Amino acid sequence: MPAPRKYPEELRERAVRLVLEARSEDEALSLNAAVQRIGPRVGVNPDTLRTWAKQAEIDTGRRPGTTTTEAAELKALRQEVKELKRANEILLAASSFFARELDPRLPW
């Protein structure tokens, strides 16, 4: 079970929107300066806000990286591969067990 979120989703969206708007209004404003300015105003740790803003830029295609949906899909696929490998191990063990039961002369 994942840990409970410290910040509500609405606050997260609002804070990220404020950072992105501040950067679009002032092209010279760095991401660091924007999160240092806005983070304390909305009650979010600047490092946390920086991470959120970077991920938002990745999700919108402004920055290279793995999007949130791609990350979720990768996680699901990895879990599926893990389950399939486990099922293969069980089936292999079962097949060798039943093969021994049918012919005890087999070396396995």
N, C-alpha and C. Protein backbone atom coordinates (compact mmCIF):
# COMPACT_ATOMS: atom_id res chain seq x y z
N MET A 1 0.84 -1.18 0.00
CA MET A 1 0.00 0.00 0.00
C MET A 1 0.89 1.25 0.00
N PRO A 2 0.68 2.16 -0.95
CA PRO A 2 1.54 3.35 -1.01
C PRO A 2 1.29 4.28 0.17
N ALA A 3 2.30 5.08 0.45
CA ALA A 3 2.18 6.05 1.54
C ALA A 3 1.15 7.11 1.18
N PRO A 4 0.46 7.65 2.17
CA PRO A 4 -0.52 8.70 1.88
C PRO A 4 0.18 9.95 1.35
N ARG A 5 -0.47 10.63 0.46
CA ARG A 5 0.10 11.85 -0.14
C ARG A 5 0.10 12.98 0.89
N LYS A 6 1.21 13.70 0.92
CA LYS A 6 1.33 14.81 1.86
C LYS A 6 0.55 16.03 1.38
N TYR A 7 0.52 16.20 0.06
CA TYR A 7 -0.16 17.36 -0.52
C TYR A 7 -1.36 16.90 -1.33
N PRO A 8 -2.48 17.62 -1.23
CA PRO A 8 -3.64 17.27 -2.06
C PRO A 8 -3.36 17.51 -3.54
N GLU A 9 -4.03 16.77 -4.40
CA GLU A 9 -3.82 16.88 -5.85
C GLU A 9 -4.13 18.29 -6.36
N GLU A 10 -5.15 18.93 -5.79
CA GLU A 10 -5.52 20.29 -6.23
C GLU A 10 -4.38 21.27 -5.96
N LEU A 11 -3.76 21.14 -4.78
CA LEU A 11 -2.64 22.02 -4.43
C LEU A 11 -1.47 21.77 -5.38
N ARG A 12 -1.22 20.52 -5.67
CA ARG A 12 -0.14 20.17 -6.59
C ARG A 12 -0.36 20.80 -7.96
N GLU A 13 -1.55 20.63 -8.50
CA GLU A 13 -1.86 21.20 -9.83
C GLU A 13 -1.75 22.72 -9.83
N ARG A 14 -2.26 23.34 -8.79
CA ARG A 14 -2.22 24.82 -8.70
C ARG A 14 -0.77 25.31 -8.61
N ALA A 15 0.03 24.67 -7.77
CA ALA A 15 1.42 25.09 -7.59
C ALA A 15 2.21 24.94 -8.89
N VAL A 16 2.02 23.83 -9.58
CA VAL A 16 2.72 23.61 -10.85
C VAL A 16 2.27 24.63 -11.88
N ARG A 17 0.97 24.89 -11.93
CA ARG A 17 0.45 25.87 -12.87
C ARG A 17 1.06 27.25 -12.60
N LEU A 18 1.18 27.62 -11.32
CA LEU A 18 1.77 28.92 -10.97
C LEU A 18 3.24 29.00 -11.40
N VAL A 19 3.97 27.93 -11.22
CA VAL A 19 5.38 27.92 -11.63
C VAL A 19 5.49 28.06 -13.14
N LEU A 20 4.70 27.28 -13.86
CA LEU A 20 4.76 27.33 -15.33
C LEU A 20 4.31 28.69 -15.86
N GLU A 21 3.28 29.27 -15.24
CA GLU A 21 2.84 30.60 -15.65
C GLU A 21 3.90 31.65 -15.38
N ALA A 22 4.55 31.57 -14.22
CA ALA A 22 5.61 32.54 -13.88
C ALA A 22 6.76 32.44 -14.88
N ARG A 23 7.11 31.22 -15.27
CA ARG A 23 8.19 31.05 -16.23
C ARG A 23 7.79 31.51 -17.62
N SER A 24 6.52 31.37 -17.99
CA SER A 24 6.09 31.81 -19.32
C SER A 24 5.99 33.34 -19.37
N GLU A 25 5.64 33.97 -18.25
CA GLU A 25 5.56 35.43 -18.22
C GLU A 25 6.95 36.06 -18.23
N ASP A 26 7.91 35.43 -17.58
CA ASP A 26 9.28 35.95 -17.53
C ASP A 26 10.21 34.88 -18.06
N GLU A 27 10.58 34.99 -19.32
CA GLU A 27 11.42 33.98 -19.98
C GLU A 27 12.78 33.83 -19.30
N ALA A 28 13.28 34.87 -18.64
CA ALA A 28 14.59 34.82 -17.99
C ALA A 28 14.53 34.11 -16.64
N LEU A 29 13.34 33.85 -16.14
CA LEU A 29 13.17 33.21 -14.84
C LEU A 29 13.49 31.71 -14.94
N SER A 30 14.44 31.27 -14.13
CA SER A 30 14.80 29.85 -14.15
C SER A 30 13.78 29.06 -13.35
N LEU A 31 13.80 27.76 -13.56
CA LEU A 31 12.90 26.89 -12.82
C LEU A 31 13.20 26.99 -11.32
N ASN A 32 14.47 27.03 -10.98
CA ASN A 32 14.86 27.13 -9.57
C ASN A 32 14.33 28.41 -8.94
N ALA A 33 14.49 29.53 -9.64
CA ALA A 33 14.00 30.80 -9.10
C ALA A 33 12.49 30.80 -8.96
N ALA A 34 11.81 30.21 -9.92
CA ALA A 34 10.34 30.17 -9.87
C ALA A 34 9.86 29.33 -8.68
N VAL A 35 10.45 28.17 -8.46
CA VAL A 35 9.99 27.34 -7.34
C VAL A 35 10.39 27.95 -5.99
N GLN A 36 11.51 28.66 -5.95
CA GLN A 36 11.91 29.34 -4.71
C GLN A 36 10.94 30.47 -4.38
N ARG A 37 10.39 31.09 -5.40
CA ARG A 37 9.45 32.19 -5.20
C ARG A 37 8.06 31.66 -4.85
N ILE A 38 7.60 30.65 -5.54
CA ILE A 38 6.21 30.21 -5.41
C ILE A 38 6.03 29.16 -4.31
N GLY A 39 7.01 28.30 -4.10
CA GLY A 39 6.90 27.24 -3.11
C GLY A 39 6.45 27.70 -1.73
N PRO A 40 7.15 28.66 -1.13
CA PRO A 40 6.74 29.13 0.20
C PRO A 40 5.35 29.80 0.20
N ARG A 41 4.99 30.42 -0.89
CA ARG A 41 3.68 31.10 -0.96
C ARG A 41 2.52 30.11 -0.91
N VAL A 42 2.71 28.95 -1.52
CA VAL A 42 1.63 27.96 -1.55
C VAL A 42 1.81 26.87 -0.49
N GLY A 43 2.90 26.93 0.27
CA GLY A 43 3.13 25.98 1.35
C GLY A 43 3.67 24.63 0.89
N VAL A 44 4.47 24.65 -0.19
CA VAL A 44 5.05 23.42 -0.72
C VAL A 44 6.57 23.56 -0.68
N ASN A 45 7.24 22.50 -0.26
CA ASN A 45 8.69 22.49 -0.26
C ASN A 45 9.20 22.76 -1.68
N PRO A 46 10.15 23.69 -1.85
CA PRO A 46 10.64 24.01 -3.20
C PRO A 46 11.21 22.82 -3.96
N ASP A 47 11.88 21.91 -3.27
CA ASP A 47 12.42 20.73 -3.97
C ASP A 47 11.30 19.85 -4.51
N THR A 48 10.25 19.71 -3.73
CA THR A 48 9.09 18.93 -4.17
C THR A 48 8.43 19.61 -5.36
N LEU A 49 8.26 20.90 -5.27
CA LEU A 49 7.65 21.66 -6.35
C LEU A 49 8.49 21.60 -7.62
N ARG A 50 9.80 21.62 -7.48
CA ARG A 50 10.69 21.52 -8.64
C ARG A 50 10.49 20.18 -9.35
N THR A 51 10.40 19.12 -8.56
CA THR A 51 10.18 17.79 -9.13
C THR A 51 8.85 17.74 -9.88
N TRP A 52 7.81 18.28 -9.27
CA TRP A 52 6.48 18.31 -9.91
C TRP A 52 6.53 19.10 -11.21
N ALA A 53 7.19 20.26 -11.19
CA ALA A 53 7.24 21.11 -12.37
C ALA A 53 8.03 20.43 -13.50
N LYS A 54 9.13 19.77 -13.16
CA LYS A 54 9.90 19.05 -14.18
C LYS A 54 9.06 17.95 -14.80
N GLN A 55 8.32 17.20 -13.97
CA GLN A 55 7.48 16.13 -14.50
C GLN A 55 6.37 16.70 -15.37
N ALA A 56 5.82 17.83 -14.99
CA ALA A 56 4.78 18.47 -15.80
C ALA A 56 5.34 18.88 -17.16
N GLU A 57 6.57 19.38 -17.18
CA GLU A 57 7.20 19.74 -18.45
C GLU A 57 7.46 18.51 -19.31
N ILE A 58 7.82 17.40 -18.68
CA ILE A 58 8.03 16.15 -19.42
C ILE A 58 6.70 15.67 -19.99
N ASP A 59 5.65 15.71 -19.16
CA ASP A 59 4.33 15.24 -19.60
C ASP A 59 3.77 16.07 -20.75
N THR A 60 4.12 17.35 -20.81
CA THR A 60 3.62 18.21 -21.89
C THR A 60 4.54 18.22 -23.10
N GLY A 61 5.70 17.55 -23.00
CA GLY A 61 6.61 17.46 -24.14
C GLY A 61 7.61 18.58 -24.23
N ARG A 62 7.69 19.44 -23.23
CA ARG A 62 8.66 20.54 -23.26
C ARG A 62 10.05 20.11 -22.82
N ARG A 63 10.12 18.95 -22.19
CA ARG A 63 11.40 18.45 -21.67
C ARG A 63 11.45 16.95 -21.98
N PRO A 64 12.62 16.44 -22.36
CA PRO A 64 12.71 15.00 -22.64
C PRO A 64 12.65 14.19 -21.34
N GLY A 65 12.13 13.00 -21.45
CA GLY A 65 12.06 12.12 -20.28
C GLY A 65 10.88 11.17 -20.39
N THR A 66 10.69 10.38 -19.35
CA THR A 66 9.61 9.41 -19.30
C THR A 66 8.36 10.07 -18.72
N THR A 67 7.29 10.05 -19.50
CA THR A 67 6.05 10.67 -19.03
C THR A 67 5.42 9.83 -17.93
N THR A 68 4.47 10.42 -17.24
CA THR A 68 3.78 9.74 -16.16
C THR A 68 3.04 8.51 -16.67
N THR A 69 2.39 8.63 -17.82
CA THR A 69 1.66 7.49 -18.37
C THR A 69 2.61 6.39 -18.82
N GLU A 70 3.74 6.76 -19.40
CA GLU A 70 4.74 5.76 -19.80
C GLU A 70 5.30 5.04 -18.57
N ALA A 71 5.55 5.78 -17.50
CA ALA A 71 6.07 5.18 -16.28
C ALA A 71 5.07 4.20 -15.69
N ALA A 72 3.80 4.55 -15.70
CA ALA A 72 2.77 3.66 -15.18
C ALA A 72 2.66 2.40 -16.04
N GLU A 73 2.76 2.59 -17.35
CA GLU A 73 2.69 1.44 -18.26
C GLU A 73 3.90 0.52 -18.06
N LEU A 74 5.09 1.10 -17.91
CA LEU A 74 6.29 0.30 -17.65
C LEU A 74 6.17 -0.49 -16.35
N LYS A 75 5.63 0.15 -15.33
CA LYS A 75 5.46 -0.51 -14.05
C LYS A 75 4.52 -1.71 -14.20
N ALA A 76 3.40 -1.51 -14.90
CA ALA A 76 2.44 -2.59 -15.10
C ALA A 76 3.06 -3.73 -15.92
N LEU A 77 3.81 -3.39 -16.95
CA LEU A 77 4.45 -4.42 -17.78
C LEU A 77 5.50 -5.20 -17.00
N ARG A 78 6.26 -4.51 -16.17
CA ARG A 78 7.26 -5.21 -15.35
C ARG A 78 6.59 -6.17 -14.38
N GLN A 79 5.48 -5.74 -13.80
CA GLN A 79 4.74 -6.60 -12.88
C GLN A 79 4.21 -7.83 -13.62
N GLU A 80 3.72 -7.62 -14.84
CA GLU A 80 3.20 -8.73 -15.63
C GLU A 80 4.32 -9.72 -15.97
N VAL A 81 5.48 -9.21 -16.35
CA VAL A 81 6.63 -10.08 -16.66
C VAL A 81 7.01 -10.89 -15.42
N LYS A 82 7.03 -10.23 -14.27
CA LYS A 82 7.37 -10.92 -13.02
C LYS A 82 6.38 -12.06 -12.75
N GLU A 83 5.09 -11.80 -12.92
CA GLU A 83 4.07 -12.83 -12.70
C GLU A 83 4.20 -13.97 -13.71
N LEU A 84 4.49 -13.63 -14.97
CA LEU A 84 4.64 -14.67 -15.99
C LEU A 84 5.86 -15.55 -15.72
N LYS A 85 6.96 -14.94 -15.27
CA LYS A 85 8.15 -15.73 -14.94
C LYS A 85 7.85 -16.68 -13.78
N ARG A 86 7.12 -16.18 -12.80
CA ARG A 86 6.75 -17.02 -11.66
C ARG A 86 5.86 -18.17 -12.12
N ALA A 87 4.90 -17.89 -12.98
CA ALA A 87 4.02 -18.94 -13.50
C ALA A 87 4.82 -19.97 -14.30
N ASN A 88 5.80 -19.52 -15.08
CA ASN A 88 6.65 -20.44 -15.84
C ASN A 88 7.44 -21.36 -14.91
N GLU A 89 7.97 -20.81 -13.83
CA GLU A 89 8.71 -21.63 -12.87
C GLU A 89 7.81 -22.69 -12.25
N ILE A 90 6.59 -22.30 -11.90
CA ILE A 90 5.64 -23.25 -11.31
C ILE A 90 5.30 -24.35 -12.31
N LEU A 91 5.04 -23.96 -13.56
CA LEU A 91 4.69 -24.95 -14.58
C LEU A 91 5.86 -25.89 -14.87
N LEU A 92 7.06 -25.36 -14.88
CA LEU A 92 8.24 -26.20 -15.12
C LEU A 92 8.42 -27.21 -13.99
N ALA A 93 8.26 -26.73 -12.76
CA ALA A 93 8.38 -27.64 -11.62
C ALA A 93 7.28 -28.70 -11.65
N ALA A 94 6.09 -28.30 -11.99
CA ALA A 94 4.98 -29.25 -12.05
C ALA A 94 5.19 -30.28 -13.15
N SER A 95 5.65 -29.83 -14.30
CA SER A 95 5.86 -30.77 -15.41
C SER A 95 6.95 -31.78 -15.08
N SER A 96 8.02 -31.35 -14.42
CA SER A 96 9.08 -32.31 -14.07
C SER A 96 8.58 -33.26 -12.99
N PHE A 97 7.75 -32.75 -12.06
CA PHE A 97 7.19 -33.63 -11.02
C PHE A 97 6.32 -34.72 -11.64
N PHE A 98 5.42 -34.31 -12.54
CA PHE A 98 4.53 -35.29 -13.16
C PHE A 98 5.27 -36.23 -14.11
N ALA A 99 6.34 -35.75 -14.73
CA ALA A 99 7.14 -36.63 -15.59
C ALA A 99 7.81 -37.71 -14.76
N ARG A 100 8.30 -37.37 -13.56
CA ARG A 100 8.91 -38.36 -12.67
C ARG A 100 7.85 -39.37 -12.19
N GLU A 101 6.65 -38.87 -11.95
CA GLU A 101 5.57 -39.76 -11.50
C GLU A 101 5.21 -40.77 -12.58
N LEU A 102 5.25 -40.36 -13.83
CA LEU A 102 4.89 -41.25 -14.93
C LEU A 102 5.98 -42.25 -15.24
N ASP A 103 7.23 -41.80 -15.18
CA ASP A 103 8.35 -42.70 -15.52
C ASP A 103 9.47 -42.46 -14.51
N PRO A 104 9.56 -43.26 -13.45
CA PRO A 104 10.58 -43.04 -12.42
C PRO A 104 11.99 -43.27 -12.92
N ARG A 105 12.19 -43.84 -14.10
CA ARG A 105 13.53 -44.07 -14.64
C ARG A 105 14.15 -42.79 -15.20
N LEU A 106 13.34 -41.77 -15.44
CA LEU A 106 13.88 -40.52 -16.00
C LEU A 106 14.81 -39.86 -14.99
N PRO A 107 15.91 -39.23 -15.47
CA PRO A 107 16.92 -38.67 -14.54
C PRO A 107 16.48 -37.37 -13.86
N TRP A 108 15.45 -36.76 -14.24
CA TRP A 108 15.06 -35.48 -13.66
C TRP A 108 14.12 -35.71 -12.58
